[in-house]
Amino acid sequence: MRLVGWTSVYTANPVLPAACPRALARQVGAHIYNDRDDTLYASRSFLTVAADAAGWRIMHLPRRLDILDPFTDTVLWNAVTRFAYNFQAKETVIWRLG
């Protein structure tokens, strides 16, 4: 039976490299926040990134948003669709989305 407009992907590998699900997400038009293999959590209100290595990351947002420090409510970036941040190795940062 063929289901129109639906695709299934099977893998026997229980742990896929981050690039694999990211490529599948990109193929179906899902939003990609970061092209690196960092650990990333996103919700409507927060974006958290744990960087595997030091260096700049460009974070892409799904729409124009303010980026705030979650502890002080200071606006760090105002009405942006992307922003850059220079991570230290193994640094984790949380931002509030507004």
N, C-alpha and C. Protein backbone atom coordinates (compact mmCIF):
# COMPACT_ATOMS: atom_id res chain seq x y z
N MET A 1 0.84 -1.17 0.00
CA MET A 1 0.00 0.00 0.00
C MET A 1 0.90 1.24 0.00
N ARG A 2 0.55 2.19 -0.82
CA ARG A 2 1.32 3.43 -0.91
C ARG A 2 0.49 4.57 -0.32
N LEU A 3 1.10 5.29 0.62
CA LEU A 3 0.45 6.45 1.23
C LEU A 3 1.00 7.71 0.58
N VAL A 4 0.15 8.47 -0.06
CA VAL A 4 0.57 9.68 -0.75
C VAL A 4 0.88 10.77 0.27
N GLY A 5 2.02 11.45 0.08
CA GLY A 5 2.39 12.56 0.95
C GLY A 5 2.97 12.13 2.29
N TRP A 6 3.39 10.89 2.41
CA TRP A 6 3.91 10.39 3.67
C TRP A 6 5.17 9.59 3.39
N THR A 7 6.21 9.79 4.20
CA THR A 7 7.46 9.07 4.02
C THR A 7 7.90 8.48 5.35
N SER A 8 8.39 7.28 5.30
CA SER A 8 8.92 6.62 6.49
C SER A 8 10.41 6.40 6.30
N VAL A 9 11.17 6.58 7.38
CA VAL A 9 12.60 6.32 7.35
C VAL A 9 12.90 5.30 8.44
N TYR A 10 13.56 4.22 8.07
CA TYR A 10 13.90 3.17 9.02
C TYR A 10 15.40 3.10 9.16
N THR A 11 15.86 2.91 10.39
CA THR A 11 17.27 2.66 10.63
C THR A 11 17.40 1.63 11.74
N ALA A 12 18.36 0.74 11.63
CA ALA A 12 18.62 -0.24 12.67
C ALA A 12 19.57 0.34 13.72
N ASN A 13 20.16 1.47 13.42
CA ASN A 13 21.08 2.11 14.34
C ASN A 13 20.29 2.87 15.40
N PRO A 14 20.44 2.56 16.69
CA PRO A 14 19.66 3.24 17.73
C PRO A 14 20.11 4.67 18.00
N VAL A 15 21.34 5.00 17.63
CA VAL A 15 21.86 6.36 17.85
C VAL A 15 22.38 6.90 16.52
N LEU A 16 21.68 7.86 15.99
CA LEU A 16 22.08 8.45 14.71
C LEU A 16 22.93 9.70 14.95
N PRO A 17 23.87 9.98 14.07
CA PRO A 17 24.59 11.24 14.16
C PRO A 17 23.59 12.39 13.98
N ALA A 18 23.82 13.50 14.67
CA ALA A 18 22.89 14.63 14.64
C ALA A 18 22.63 15.13 13.22
N ALA A 19 23.60 15.00 12.34
CA ALA A 19 23.44 15.47 10.97
C ALA A 19 22.32 14.72 10.23
N CYS A 20 22.07 13.47 10.60
CA CYS A 20 21.06 12.66 9.90
C CYS A 20 19.63 13.17 10.18
N PRO A 21 19.18 13.26 11.44
CA PRO A 21 17.83 13.80 11.65
C PRO A 21 17.71 15.27 11.23
N ARG A 22 18.82 16.01 11.32
CA ARG A 22 18.78 17.41 10.86
C ARG A 22 18.55 17.47 9.35
N ALA A 23 19.19 16.58 8.59
CA ALA A 23 18.98 16.54 7.14
C ALA A 23 17.55 16.13 6.81
N LEU A 24 17.00 15.18 7.56
CA LEU A 24 15.61 14.77 7.33
C LEU A 24 14.66 15.92 7.67
N ALA A 25 14.92 16.61 8.76
CA ALA A 25 14.08 17.76 9.14
C ALA A 25 14.13 18.84 8.06
N ARG A 26 15.32 19.11 7.56
CA ARG A 26 15.46 20.12 6.51
C ARG A 26 14.70 19.70 5.25
N GLN A 27 14.74 18.42 4.92
CA GLN A 27 14.07 17.91 3.73
C GLN A 27 12.56 18.12 3.78
N VAL A 28 11.96 18.04 4.96
CA VAL A 28 10.52 18.23 5.08
C VAL A 28 10.13 19.66 5.43
N GLY A 29 11.12 20.54 5.50
CA GLY A 29 10.82 21.95 5.73
C GLY A 29 10.73 22.36 7.18
N ALA A 30 11.21 21.53 8.10
CA ALA A 30 11.21 21.90 9.52
C ALA A 30 12.25 22.98 9.77
N HIS A 31 12.03 23.77 10.79
CA HIS A 31 12.96 24.85 11.12
C HIS A 31 14.24 24.28 11.73
N ILE A 32 15.39 24.79 11.31
CA ILE A 32 16.70 24.39 11.84
C ILE A 32 17.29 25.60 12.55
N TYR A 33 17.48 25.52 13.85
CA TYR A 33 18.03 26.63 14.62
C TYR A 33 19.53 26.77 14.44
N ASN A 34 20.24 25.63 14.32
CA ASN A 34 21.70 25.63 14.38
C ASN A 34 22.21 24.49 13.51
N ASP A 35 23.18 24.76 12.67
CA ASP A 35 23.71 23.73 11.78
C ASP A 35 24.84 22.91 12.40
N ARG A 36 25.15 23.16 13.65
CA ARG A 36 26.20 22.41 14.33
C ARG A 36 25.59 21.25 15.10
N ASP A 37 26.44 20.36 15.58
CA ASP A 37 25.98 19.18 16.31
C ASP A 37 25.89 19.42 17.82
N ASP A 38 25.54 20.63 18.21
CA ASP A 38 25.38 20.98 19.61
C ASP A 38 24.06 20.42 20.13
N THR A 39 23.96 20.27 21.45
CA THR A 39 22.69 19.91 22.06
C THR A 39 21.84 21.18 22.12
N LEU A 40 20.61 21.09 21.66
CA LEU A 40 19.76 22.27 21.56
C LEU A 40 18.35 21.93 22.01
N TYR A 41 17.79 22.79 22.83
CA TYR A 41 16.40 22.67 23.27
C TYR A 41 15.69 23.97 22.93
N ALA A 42 14.52 23.88 22.33
CA ALA A 42 13.77 25.08 21.96
C ALA A 42 12.31 24.90 22.30
N SER A 43 11.71 25.99 22.78
CA SER A 43 10.27 26.04 23.02
C SER A 43 9.80 27.42 22.56
N ARG A 44 8.54 27.72 22.78
CA ARG A 44 8.05 29.05 22.42
C ARG A 44 8.73 30.15 23.22
N SER A 45 9.17 29.82 24.42
CA SER A 45 9.68 30.83 25.34
C SER A 45 11.18 30.82 25.54
N PHE A 46 11.84 29.70 25.27
CA PHE A 46 13.26 29.59 25.57
C PHE A 46 14.03 28.87 24.47
N LEU A 47 15.31 29.21 24.36
CA LEU A 47 16.24 28.53 23.48
C LEU A 47 17.50 28.26 24.30
N THR A 48 17.90 26.99 24.37
CA THR A 48 19.08 26.60 25.13
C THR A 48 20.02 25.84 24.22
N VAL A 49 21.30 26.20 24.28
CA VAL A 49 22.31 25.53 23.47
C VAL A 49 23.48 25.14 24.37
N ALA A 50 23.89 23.88 24.28
CA ALA A 50 25.09 23.39 24.95
C ALA A 50 26.11 23.10 23.85
N ALA A 51 27.12 23.94 23.77
CA ALA A 51 28.10 23.85 22.68
C ALA A 51 29.10 22.73 22.94
N ASP A 52 29.32 21.89 21.95
CA ASP A 52 30.31 20.82 22.06
C ASP A 52 31.74 21.37 22.03
N ALA A 53 31.93 22.44 21.29
CA ALA A 53 33.27 23.02 21.13
C ALA A 53 33.15 24.54 21.10
N ALA A 54 34.27 25.20 21.28
CA ALA A 54 34.29 26.66 21.25
C ALA A 54 34.07 27.16 19.83
N GLY A 55 33.57 28.39 19.73
CA GLY A 55 33.43 29.02 18.42
C GLY A 55 32.09 29.70 18.23
N TRP A 56 32.01 30.41 17.13
CA TRP A 56 30.79 31.16 16.80
C TRP A 56 29.70 30.24 16.31
N ARG A 57 28.48 30.54 16.71
CA ARG A 57 27.29 29.87 16.21
C ARG A 57 26.33 30.94 15.71
N ILE A 58 25.70 30.69 14.60
CA ILE A 58 24.62 31.56 14.14
C ILE A 58 23.32 30.83 14.41
N MET A 59 22.49 31.42 15.25
CA MET A 59 21.22 30.84 15.62
C MET A 59 20.13 31.44 14.72
N HIS A 60 19.38 30.60 14.05
CA HIS A 60 18.30 31.01 13.15
C HIS A 60 16.97 30.83 13.88
N LEU A 61 16.16 31.85 13.87
CA LEU A 61 14.88 31.82 14.57
C LEU A 61 13.74 31.62 13.59
N PRO A 62 12.64 31.02 14.03
CA PRO A 62 11.52 30.76 13.12
C PRO A 62 10.75 32.01 12.71
N ARG A 63 10.92 33.10 13.47
CA ARG A 63 10.27 34.38 13.16
C ARG A 63 11.04 35.48 13.87
N ARG A 64 10.71 36.72 13.60
CA ARG A 64 11.38 37.86 14.23
C ARG A 64 11.05 37.88 15.73
N LEU A 65 12.10 37.84 16.56
CA LEU A 65 11.92 37.77 18.01
C LEU A 65 12.94 38.66 18.72
N ASP A 66 12.59 39.05 19.93
CA ASP A 66 13.57 39.65 20.85
C ASP A 66 14.24 38.51 21.59
N ILE A 67 15.53 38.65 21.85
CA ILE A 67 16.28 37.66 22.61
C ILE A 67 16.69 38.33 23.92
N LEU A 68 16.29 37.71 25.04
CA LEU A 68 16.52 38.32 26.35
C LEU A 68 17.33 37.40 27.26
N ASP A 69 18.05 38.02 28.18
CA ASP A 69 18.69 37.29 29.26
C ASP A 69 17.56 36.82 30.19
N PRO A 70 17.43 35.52 30.44
CA PRO A 70 16.28 35.03 31.21
C PRO A 70 16.34 35.40 32.70
N PHE A 71 17.50 35.82 33.17
CA PHE A 71 17.65 36.12 34.59
C PHE A 71 17.45 37.60 34.90
N THR A 72 17.74 38.47 33.91
CA THR A 72 17.63 39.92 34.15
C THR A 72 16.58 40.59 33.27
N ASP A 73 16.05 39.86 32.29
CA ASP A 73 15.12 40.39 31.29
C ASP A 73 15.73 41.50 30.43
N THR A 74 17.04 41.59 30.40
CA THR A 74 17.73 42.53 29.53
C THR A 74 17.61 42.06 28.08
N VAL A 75 17.23 42.96 27.18
CA VAL A 75 17.15 42.62 25.76
C VAL A 75 18.57 42.57 25.20
N LEU A 76 18.94 41.42 24.65
CA LEU A 76 20.27 41.23 24.08
C LEU A 76 20.28 41.50 22.58
N TRP A 77 19.23 41.07 21.90
CA TRP A 77 19.02 41.34 20.48
C TRP A 77 17.56 41.71 20.32
N ASN A 78 17.30 42.72 19.52
CA ASN A 78 15.94 43.24 19.38
C ASN A 78 15.38 42.93 17.99
N ALA A 79 14.26 42.22 17.95
CA ALA A 79 13.52 41.94 16.71
C ALA A 79 14.42 41.36 15.61
N VAL A 80 15.03 40.20 15.90
CA VAL A 80 15.95 39.57 14.94
C VAL A 80 15.41 38.23 14.47
N THR A 81 15.86 37.80 13.30
CA THR A 81 15.54 36.46 12.81
C THR A 81 16.75 35.54 12.95
N ARG A 82 17.90 36.12 13.28
CA ARG A 82 19.10 35.33 13.56
C ARG A 82 20.06 36.17 14.39
N PHE A 83 20.93 35.49 15.11
CA PHE A 83 21.95 36.18 15.88
C PHE A 83 23.16 35.27 16.03
N ALA A 84 24.31 35.86 16.32
CA ALA A 84 25.55 35.10 16.47
C ALA A 84 26.01 35.18 17.92
N TYR A 85 26.59 34.08 18.38
CA TYR A 85 27.11 34.02 19.75
C TYR A 85 28.41 33.21 19.72
N ASN A 86 29.42 33.70 20.42
CA ASN A 86 30.72 33.03 20.48
C ASN A 86 30.79 32.19 21.75
N PHE A 87 30.67 30.88 21.61
CA PHE A 87 30.66 29.95 22.74
C PHE A 87 32.07 29.59 23.18
N GLN A 88 32.21 29.36 24.47
CA GLN A 88 33.39 28.70 25.01
C GLN A 88 33.13 27.19 24.90
N ALA A 89 34.18 26.38 24.93
CA ALA A 89 34.00 24.92 24.87
C ALA A 89 33.17 24.45 26.04
N LYS A 90 32.18 23.61 25.76
CA LYS A 90 31.28 23.00 26.75
C LYS A 90 30.39 24.01 27.47
N GLU A 91 30.24 25.22 26.94
CA GLU A 91 29.38 26.24 27.54
C GLU A 91 27.92 25.97 27.18
N THR A 92 27.04 26.20 28.14
CA THR A 92 25.60 26.11 27.93
C THR A 92 24.99 27.48 28.19
N VAL A 93 24.15 27.94 27.25
CA VAL A 93 23.52 29.25 27.36
C VAL A 93 22.02 29.09 27.16
N ILE A 94 21.25 29.81 27.96
CA ILE A 94 19.80 29.84 27.80
C ILE A 94 19.38 31.28 27.53
N TRP A 95 18.50 31.43 26.54
CA TRP A 95 17.94 32.74 26.19
C TRP A 95 16.42 32.66 26.29
N ARG A 96 15.82 33.75 26.69
CA ARG A 96 14.35 33.84 26.67
C ARG A 96 13.93 34.50 25.37
N LEU A 97 12.93 33.95 24.73
CA LEU A 97 12.43 34.48 23.46
C LEU A 97 11.21 35.34 23.74
N GLY A 98 11.20 36.53 23.17
CA GLY A 98 10.07 37.43 23.42
C GLY A 98 9.52 38.04 22.17
